[in-house]
Amino acid sequence: MGMDFNTIKNVTDTYTAHTYARYDVAITSGRGAHAFGPDGKEYIDFTSGIGVNILGFSDPGWAAAVSEQAAKLQHSSNLFYSEPCAVCARRMAELSGMANMFFCNSGAEANEGAIKTARKYSLMKYASPGSAHDFNRFEIITLDGSFHGRTMATITATGQESFHNKNFSPFLQGFAYARPNDIASLHEKISDKTCAIMIEFVQGVGGVNVLDAEYVAEIARVCAERDILFIADEVQTGVARTGKFMAYEHFGIRPDIVTVAKGLGGGLPLGGILFGEKTKDTLQPGDHGSTYGGNPVVCAGASYVLSRIDEDFLAEVRRKSAVFTERLLSLPGVTGLSGIGLMLGVALRAGNAKQVVDACREKGLLVLTAGERIRFLPPLVITDAEIAAGLDIFAEVLAERE
């Protein structure tokens, strides 16, 4: 017999750090887009663990792949070769068009590694012998409204002042922030110090803001012209979330470095840095590492996730996006919609996104916020019936607020 909700909450609040403003919900089991609490209450899930459970809760094939590998070999360290790591890396290269990759445990770790790689690439290519200590081509441009993680480097890279909590200062040097979709602002920030530009094609935490194609094309042009590395943070947008395997495919470009996490592990902690031809040999033994990176169990789960992604799967994501879009834009309380694929931001006439999230939860629908928008990140395998049922609840909540 498991704990009831109040026991789970009290034990958690007593014995874990108070770093999360948790909702009054405990999830004890789930299948697909359905989650269940200890009291048996059922929820339709439009969050997928903040974009992680792309195959939904406890996909049987994924669970079998993880269980089989766990019974065979759970860990060996990167001092040895591992078949699950090799298979997963090869499939990622095939699907992404990148050259090779480094495995880690999270999106923040992947972005840390990308930052290190960009600085080393620039130093090795442009610093004259003996000048490393005076070399100043180390600055990375990110965008206002961006989110890249909570480590010291990635929180500094994040272009939102609210995350630059003075309690954690001093922050790292070497970052500049440009306004998204403002080419003049971009050029104002580029200088002889610039070694890389790092962007999210859709800013998730920042409000589900999509970058303009013209703006992305200008970043790609400038990076190629000046040998500035183009870093794509695909932690939330990657691995089929937008209806393409990677969001950069929508823009017709290929970055020099791509970071991934979230959906790749299917529910287990996994991040990665994908390197293009220009950067594939930048990191050498001793430059970077991760004890758990490439863990056999996690890579076995990821390989199963990747085995499910083909053109038919991606086409279904795009079709379901259209289903969401048509219904949402028909709701009287919705004033705007942003995003790509199954990463959607909903602007509301009534405002106060948090109250809408709370009301949805009470009625059995789990959704997220992104600033003052409602953010939908449903499992990519969600059915039309589940979409309809969830949006019926959403429509009911909006109608009560009109």
Protein backbone atom coordinates (compact mmCIF):
# COMPACT_ATOMS: atom_id res chain seq x y z
CA MET A 1 0.00 0.00 0.00
CA GLY A 2 1.55 3.32 -1.05
CA MET A 3 1.44 6.65 0.74
CA ASP A 4 -1.59 8.88 0.47
CA PHE A 5 -1.17 12.39 -0.94
CA ASN A 6 -0.79 14.21 2.38
CA THR A 7 1.92 11.79 3.52
CA ILE A 8 3.81 12.16 0.23
CA LYS A 9 3.59 15.93 0.51
CA ASN A 10 4.64 16.11 4.17
CA VAL A 11 7.60 13.75 3.76
CA THR A 12 8.74 15.58 0.63
CA ASP A 13 8.50 19.00 2.29
CA THR A 14 10.38 17.73 5.33
CA TYR A 15 13.23 15.91 3.62
CA THR A 16 13.85 17.69 0.31
CA ALA A 17 15.15 21.20 -0.31
CA HIS A 18 12.44 23.79 -0.90
CA THR A 19 13.52 24.66 -4.43
CA TYR A 20 10.20 24.01 -6.18
CA ALA A 21 6.79 25.64 -5.85
CA ARG A 22 5.05 22.31 -6.34
CA TYR A 23 1.41 21.95 -7.30
CA ASP A 24 -0.83 20.03 -4.90
CA VAL A 25 -0.65 16.93 -7.06
CA ALA A 26 1.27 13.67 -6.69
CA ILE A 27 1.51 11.38 -9.71
CA THR A 28 1.92 7.72 -8.85
CA SER A 29 1.36 6.04 -12.22
CA GLY A 30 0.54 6.79 -15.82
CA ARG A 31 0.13 5.40 -19.30
CA GLY A 32 0.33 7.43 -22.48
CA ALA A 33 -1.23 10.86 -21.89
CA HIS A 34 -3.04 9.76 -18.71
CA ALA A 35 -1.65 10.23 -15.21
CA PHE A 36 -3.06 8.99 -11.92
CA GLY A 37 -2.73 10.26 -8.36
CA PRO A 38 -2.60 8.20 -5.16
CA ASP A 39 -6.32 8.79 -4.65
CA GLY A 40 -7.07 7.42 -8.13
CA LYS A 41 -7.80 10.82 -9.66
CA GLU A 42 -7.07 10.85 -13.40
CA TYR A 43 -5.42 13.66 -15.33
CA ILE A 44 -4.93 14.28 -19.03
CA ASP A 45 -1.33 15.33 -19.44
CA PHE A 46 -0.41 18.23 -21.74
CA THR A 47 3.03 18.63 -20.10
CA SER A 48 4.93 15.34 -20.71
CA GLY A 49 7.19 16.10 -17.76
CA ILE A 50 8.07 19.50 -19.32
CA GLY A 51 8.71 18.00 -22.74
CA VAL A 52 10.44 14.81 -21.56
CA ASN A 53 7.95 11.94 -21.90
CA ILE A 54 7.52 12.21 -25.65
CA LEU A 55 6.17 8.64 -25.80
CA GLY A 56 3.91 9.35 -22.84
CA PHE A 57 4.00 7.67 -19.44
CA SER A 58 5.49 4.17 -19.21
CA ASP A 59 5.47 3.25 -22.90
CA PRO A 60 5.62 -0.58 -22.89
CA GLY A 61 8.36 -0.84 -25.54
CA TRP A 62 10.50 1.78 -23.85
CA ALA A 63 10.04 0.17 -20.43
CA ALA A 64 11.01 -3.22 -21.85
CA ALA A 65 14.17 -1.83 -23.47
CA VAL A 66 15.20 -0.14 -20.21
CA SER A 67 14.41 -3.20 -18.10
CA GLU A 68 16.26 -5.58 -20.40
CA GLN A 69 19.38 -3.42 -20.36
CA ALA A 70 19.21 -2.90 -16.57
CA ALA A 71 19.20 -6.67 -16.09
CA LYS A 72 22.23 -7.03 -18.38
CA LEU A 73 24.53 -4.09 -17.49
CA GLN A 74 23.52 -0.90 -15.69
CA HIS A 75 26.85 0.98 -15.73
CA SER A 76 30.48 0.50 -16.65
CA SER A 77 32.02 4.03 -17.00
CA ASN A 78 33.48 5.77 -20.02
CA LEU A 79 36.83 4.03 -19.53
CA PHE A 80 35.20 1.20 -21.49
CA TYR A 81 33.20 0.93 -24.70
CA SER A 82 29.46 0.30 -24.48
CA GLU A 83 27.16 -1.01 -27.22
CA PRO A 84 24.06 0.98 -26.16
CA CYS A 85 26.10 4.20 -26.22
CA ALA A 86 27.49 3.38 -29.67
CA VAL A 87 24.09 2.49 -31.13
CA CYS A 88 22.44 5.63 -29.75
CA ALA A 89 25.22 7.95 -30.96
CA ARG A 90 25.14 6.47 -34.47
CA ARG A 91 21.36 6.86 -34.71
CA MET A 92 21.54 10.46 -33.48
CA ALA A 93 24.10 11.26 -36.17
CA GLU A 94 21.92 9.64 -38.84
CA LEU A 95 18.81 11.54 -37.82
CA SER A 96 20.44 14.92 -37.17
CA GLY A 97 23.04 15.07 -39.94
CA MET A 98 25.69 15.98 -37.37
CA ALA A 99 29.09 14.27 -37.15
CA ASN A 100 29.42 12.94 -33.59
CA MET A 101 28.28 13.61 -30.04
CA PHE A 102 29.07 13.76 -26.33
CA PHE A 103 26.63 12.26 -23.81
CA CYS A 104 25.79 13.91 -20.49
CA ASN A 105 22.81 13.98 -18.13
CA SER A 106 20.79 17.14 -18.79
CA GLY A 107 20.21 20.15 -20.99
CA ALA A 108 22.16 22.46 -18.70
CA GLU A 109 25.16 20.12 -18.82
CA ALA A 110 24.89 19.95 -22.61
CA ASN A 111 24.90 23.74 -22.82
CA GLU A 112 27.89 23.93 -20.44
CA GLY A 113 29.79 21.63 -22.77
CA ALA A 114 28.78 23.65 -25.81
CA ILE A 115 30.09 26.83 -24.16
CA LYS A 116 33.40 25.15 -23.34
CA THR A 117 33.69 23.78 -26.88
CA ALA A 118 33.06 27.17 -28.48
CA ARG A 119 35.71 28.85 -26.37
CA LYS A 120 38.29 26.14 -27.01
CA TYR A 121 37.59 26.12 -30.75
CA SER A 122 38.18 29.85 -30.96
CA LEU A 123 41.27 29.75 -28.78
CA MET A 124 42.91 26.89 -30.67
CA LYS A 125 42.18 28.44 -34.05
CA TYR A 126 42.87 32.12 -33.45
CA ALA A 127 45.19 32.59 -30.46
CA SER A 128 48.82 33.08 -31.41
CA PRO A 129 51.44 30.99 -29.58
CA GLY A 130 51.94 32.21 -26.03
CA SER A 131 48.96 34.57 -26.13
CA ALA A 132 46.30 32.38 -24.54
CA HIS A 133 46.16 34.40 -21.32
CA ASP A 134 45.44 37.61 -23.26
CA PHE A 135 43.06 36.07 -25.79
CA ASN A 136 39.68 37.80 -25.76
CA ARG A 137 37.64 36.00 -28.45
CA PHE A 138 35.54 34.18 -25.88
CA GLU A 139 32.21 36.04 -25.79
CA ILE A 140 28.97 34.20 -26.53
CA ILE A 141 25.87 36.08 -27.67
CA THR A 142 22.49 34.79 -26.49
CA LEU A 143 19.05 36.35 -26.78
CA ASP A 144 16.81 38.28 -24.44
CA GLY A 145 14.11 35.91 -23.22
CA SER A 146 16.30 32.84 -23.61
CA PHE A 147 16.71 30.04 -21.09
CA HIS A 148 19.75 27.76 -21.15
CA GLY A 149 19.94 26.22 -17.67
CA ARG A 150 20.70 26.85 -14.01
CA THR A 151 24.43 26.12 -13.67
CA MET A 152 26.66 29.17 -13.26
CA ALA A 153 27.55 29.36 -16.96
CA THR A 154 24.12 28.55 -18.33
CA ILE A 155 22.23 30.81 -15.95
CA THR A 156 24.55 33.61 -17.06
CA ALA A 157 23.85 32.68 -20.68
CA THR A 158 20.12 32.87 -19.96
CA GLY A 159 18.82 36.21 -21.22
CA GLN A 160 16.28 36.86 -18.48
CA GLU A 161 17.12 39.22 -15.65
CA SER A 162 14.82 37.37 -13.26
CA PHE A 163 17.21 34.41 -13.31
CA HIS A 164 20.25 36.58 -12.52
CA ASN A 165 19.61 36.43 -8.80
CA LYS A 166 22.13 38.63 -7.00
CA ASN A 167 22.42 35.99 -4.28
CA PHE A 168 24.48 33.97 -6.76
CA SER A 169 26.78 36.74 -7.96
CA PRO A 170 29.36 37.30 -9.25
CA PHE A 171 28.22 35.81 -12.54
CA LEU A 172 30.61 34.69 -15.25
CA GLN A 173 32.02 37.09 -17.79
CA GLY A 174 31.85 36.55 -21.50
CA PHE A 175 28.16 36.79 -22.41
CA ALA A 176 26.21 39.43 -24.32
CA TYR A 177 22.48 39.59 -25.04
CA ALA A 178 20.77 40.61 -28.28
CA ARG A 179 17.09 41.28 -28.85
CA PRO A 180 15.36 38.40 -30.67
CA ASN A 181 14.22 39.07 -34.23
CA ASP A 182 16.12 42.39 -34.23
CA ILE A 183 18.93 42.18 -36.77
CA ALA A 184 20.28 45.62 -35.83
CA SER A 185 20.58 44.56 -32.19
CA LEU A 186 22.38 41.38 -33.27
CA HIS A 187 24.97 43.33 -35.24
CA GLU A 188 25.45 45.77 -32.36
CA LYS A 189 26.48 42.88 -30.11
CA ILE A 190 28.83 41.13 -32.54
CA SER A 191 32.44 42.17 -32.06
CA ASP A 192 36.00 40.86 -32.27
CA LYS A 193 35.26 39.18 -28.90
CA THR A 194 32.46 37.02 -30.30
CA CYS A 195 33.19 33.30 -30.56
CA ALA A 196 29.63 31.95 -30.75
CA ILE A 197 25.94 32.80 -30.96
CA MET A 198 23.60 30.49 -29.04
CA ILE A 199 19.84 30.49 -29.65
CA GLU A 200 16.63 28.56 -29.12
CA PHE A 201 14.53 28.54 -32.30
CA VAL A 202 11.46 28.58 -30.06
CA GLN A 203 12.00 30.17 -26.65
CA GLY A 204 10.09 27.86 -24.33
CA VAL A 205 10.44 29.35 -20.86
CA GLY A 206 10.59 32.82 -22.39
CA GLY A 207 7.02 32.60 -23.73
CA VAL A 208 7.01 30.10 -26.64
CA ASN A 209 8.42 32.77 -28.93
CA VAL A 210 9.40 31.62 -32.43
CA LEU A 211 12.37 33.26 -34.15
CA ASP A 212 11.80 34.78 -37.59
CA ALA A 213 13.27 32.87 -40.53
CA GLU A 214 15.00 36.05 -41.75
CA TYR A 215 16.65 36.56 -38.38
CA VAL A 216 17.90 32.96 -38.18
CA ALA A 217 19.23 33.20 -41.73
CA GLU A 218 21.18 36.34 -40.80
CA ILE A 219 22.70 34.59 -37.79
CA ALA A 220 23.75 31.69 -40.00
CA ARG A 221 25.22 34.06 -42.62
CA VAL A 222 27.22 36.08 -40.11
CA CYS A 223 28.49 32.97 -38.35
CA ALA A 224 29.70 31.44 -41.62
CA GLU A 225 31.26 34.71 -42.80
CA ARG A 226 33.17 35.41 -39.57
CA ASP A 227 33.78 31.84 -38.38
CA ILE A 228 31.58 32.41 -35.34
CA LEU A 229 30.11 29.14 -34.09
CA PHE A 230 26.34 28.72 -34.38
CA ILE A 231 25.06 26.89 -31.28
CA ALA A 232 21.47 25.63 -31.34
CA ASP A 233 19.89 24.89 -27.97
CA GLU A 234 17.42 22.16 -28.96
CA VAL A 235 16.90 20.90 -25.42
CA GLN A 236 13.15 21.50 -25.61
CA THR A 237 12.61 21.74 -29.38
CA GLY A 238 14.69 18.74 -30.47
CA VAL A 239 13.83 15.07 -30.99
CA ALA A 240 10.59 15.53 -32.97
CA ARG A 241 8.87 18.07 -30.68
CA THR A 242 8.32 20.56 -33.53
CA GLY A 243 7.36 18.02 -36.21
CA LYS A 244 10.91 17.79 -37.55
CA PHE A 245 13.62 15.79 -35.84
CA MET A 246 15.36 19.08 -35.04
CA ALA A 247 13.85 22.56 -35.14
CA TYR A 248 16.73 23.87 -37.26
CA GLU A 249 15.33 21.82 -40.16
CA HIS A 250 12.39 24.26 -40.32
CA PHE A 251 14.89 27.04 -41.04
CA GLY A 252 17.00 25.27 -43.65
CA ILE A 253 20.27 25.58 -41.74
CA ARG A 254 22.64 23.28 -39.86
CA PRO A 255 24.38 24.64 -36.75
CA ASP A 256 27.95 23.90 -35.70
CA ILE A 257 26.90 22.64 -32.27
CA VAL A 258 23.48 21.36 -31.16
CA THR A 259 22.45 20.58 -27.60
CA VAL A 260 19.71 18.06 -26.79
CA ALA A 261 18.10 16.49 -23.70
CA LYS A 262 14.48 16.17 -22.48
CA GLY A 263 12.69 13.99 -25.05
CA LEU A 264 15.79 12.04 -26.02
CA GLY A 265 15.79 9.96 -22.83
CA GLY A 266 12.05 9.36 -22.94
CA GLY A 267 11.87 9.85 -19.16
CA LEU A 268 15.38 9.06 -17.97
CA PRO A 269 18.06 11.75 -17.52
CA LEU A 270 20.02 12.13 -20.75
CA GLY A 271 21.58 15.10 -22.51
CA GLY A 272 23.96 15.42 -25.40
CA ILE A 273 26.08 17.76 -27.48
CA LEU A 274 26.03 17.14 -31.23
CA PHE A 275 29.04 18.41 -33.18
CA GLY A 276 29.25 19.32 -36.85
CA GLU A 277 32.27 18.83 -39.09
CA LYS A 278 33.83 22.10 -37.91
CA THR A 279 33.72 21.19 -34.22
CA LYS A 280 33.79 17.37 -34.11
CA ASP A 281 37.44 17.16 -33.01
CA THR A 282 37.58 20.20 -30.74
CA LEU A 283 37.25 18.33 -27.44
CA GLN A 284 40.10 15.93 -26.72
CA PRO A 285 40.79 13.51 -23.82
CA GLY A 286 40.72 15.41 -20.53
CA ASP A 287 38.80 18.42 -21.90
CA HIS A 288 35.38 17.27 -20.73
CA GLY A 289 33.69 14.30 -19.12
CA SER A 290 30.67 12.87 -17.32
CA THR A 291 30.57 9.88 -14.99
CA TYR A 292 27.07 8.88 -16.07
CA GLY A 293 27.22 10.21 -19.64
CA GLY A 294 26.28 7.46 -22.11
CA ASN A 295 24.91 5.23 -19.35
CA PRO A 296 23.86 1.91 -20.95
CA VAL A 297 20.35 1.84 -19.44
CA VAL A 298 19.57 5.42 -20.42
CA CYS A 299 21.00 4.94 -23.93
CA ALA A 300 18.95 1.77 -24.40
CA GLY A 301 15.82 3.79 -23.60
CA ALA A 302 16.92 6.58 -25.93
CA SER A 303 17.58 4.16 -28.76
CA TYR A 304 14.04 2.85 -28.39
CA VAL A 305 12.72 6.43 -28.53
CA LEU A 306 14.73 7.06 -31.70
CA SER A 307 13.51 3.80 -33.26
CA ARG A 308 9.97 5.18 -33.12
CA ILE A 309 10.79 8.39 -34.97
CA ASP A 310 10.34 8.19 -38.73
CA GLU A 311 8.63 10.34 -41.34
CA ASP A 312 5.20 8.97 -40.48
CA PHE A 313 5.75 9.79 -36.79
CA LEU A 314 6.87 13.34 -37.65
CA ALA A 315 3.92 13.83 -40.00
CA GLU A 316 1.59 12.82 -37.17
CA VAL A 317 3.14 15.43 -34.88
CA ARG A 318 2.48 18.09 -37.52
CA ARG A 319 -1.08 16.85 -38.05
CA LYS A 320 -1.83 16.90 -34.32
CA SER A 321 -0.40 20.39 -34.14
CA ALA A 322 -2.97 21.46 -36.72
CA VAL A 323 -5.73 19.81 -34.64
CA PHE A 324 -4.65 21.77 -31.56
CA THR A 325 -4.33 24.99 -33.53
CA GLU A 326 -7.75 24.83 -35.17
CA ARG A 327 -9.55 24.13 -31.90
CA LEU A 328 -7.60 26.63 -29.81
CA LEU A 329 -8.12 29.50 -32.24
CA SER A 330 -11.86 28.83 -32.15
CA LEU A 331 -12.06 29.40 -28.38
CA PRO A 332 -13.40 32.85 -27.40
CA GLY A 333 -10.89 33.34 -24.59
CA VAL A 334 -7.83 32.75 -26.81
CA THR A 335 -6.26 35.85 -28.33
CA GLY A 336 -3.15 34.35 -29.90
CA LEU A 337 -1.13 31.21 -30.49
CA SER A 338 2.60 30.69 -30.92
CA GLY A 339 4.98 27.79 -31.32
CA ILE A 340 5.72 24.98 -33.75
CA GLY A 341 4.53 21.38 -33.74
CA LEU A 342 3.47 20.21 -30.29
CA MET A 343 5.19 23.07 -28.51
CA LEU A 344 2.45 25.68 -28.26
CA GLY A 345 1.89 28.90 -26.34
CA VAL A 346 -1.64 30.22 -25.81
CA ALA A 347 -2.32 33.90 -25.12
CA LEU A 348 -5.46 34.56 -23.08
CA ARG A 349 -7.85 37.49 -23.03
CA ALA A 350 -8.53 36.97 -19.32
CA GLY A 351 -4.82 36.85 -18.43
CA ASN A 352 -3.38 35.32 -15.25
CA ALA A 353 -2.03 32.10 -16.70
CA LYS A 354 -1.31 30.65 -13.27
CA GLN A 355 -4.98 30.78 -12.28
CA VAL A 356 -5.89 29.00 -15.50
CA VAL A 357 -3.30 26.29 -14.78
CA ASP A 358 -4.77 25.81 -11.30
CA ALA A 359 -8.33 25.61 -12.60
CA CYS A 360 -7.36 23.13 -15.31
CA ARG A 361 -5.62 20.95 -12.77
CA GLU A 362 -8.70 20.87 -10.54
CA LYS A 363 -10.73 19.62 -13.51
CA GLY A 364 -8.17 16.97 -14.50
CA LEU A 365 -5.93 18.65 -17.10
CA LEU A 366 -2.22 19.28 -16.57
CA VAL A 367 -0.79 22.30 -18.43
CA LEU A 368 2.17 24.66 -17.99
CA THR A 369 2.89 28.38 -18.05
CA ALA A 370 5.44 30.33 -20.08
CA GLY A 371 5.36 33.88 -18.82
CA GLU A 372 1.75 34.99 -19.23
CA ARG A 373 0.97 32.27 -21.76
CA ILE A 374 -0.30 28.76 -21.25
CA ARG A 375 2.26 26.28 -22.58
CA PHE A 376 1.24 22.92 -24.07
CA LEU A 377 3.91 20.21 -24.39
CA PRO A 378 1.79 17.05 -24.73
CA PRO A 379 3.26 13.60 -25.39
CA LEU A 380 3.94 13.27 -29.09
CA VAL A 381 1.89 10.05 -29.14
CA ILE A 382 -1.24 11.75 -27.76
CA THR A 383 -4.41 10.58 -29.51
CA ASP A 384 -7.07 12.74 -31.13
CA ALA A 385 -9.53 11.63 -28.45
CA GLU A 386 -7.13 12.73 -25.69
CA ILE A 387 -6.56 16.06 -27.41
CA ALA A 388 -10.30 16.62 -27.65
CA ALA A 389 -10.91 15.65 -24.02
CA GLY A 390 -8.13 17.91 -22.75
CA LEU A 391 -9.23 20.85 -24.86
CA ASP A 392 -12.82 20.38 -23.67
CA ILE A 393 -11.55 20.95 -20.11
CA PHE A 394 -9.47 23.92 -21.25
CA ALA A 395 -12.48 25.44 -23.04
CA GLU A 396 -14.63 24.95 -19.93
CA VAL A 397 -12.06 26.75 -17.76
CA LEU A 398 -11.84 29.67 -20.21
CA ALA A 399 -15.63 29.93 -20.46
CA GLU A 400 -15.89 30.24 -16.69
CA ARG A 401 -13.49 33.18 -16.81
CA GLU A 402 -15.22 35.10 -19.58
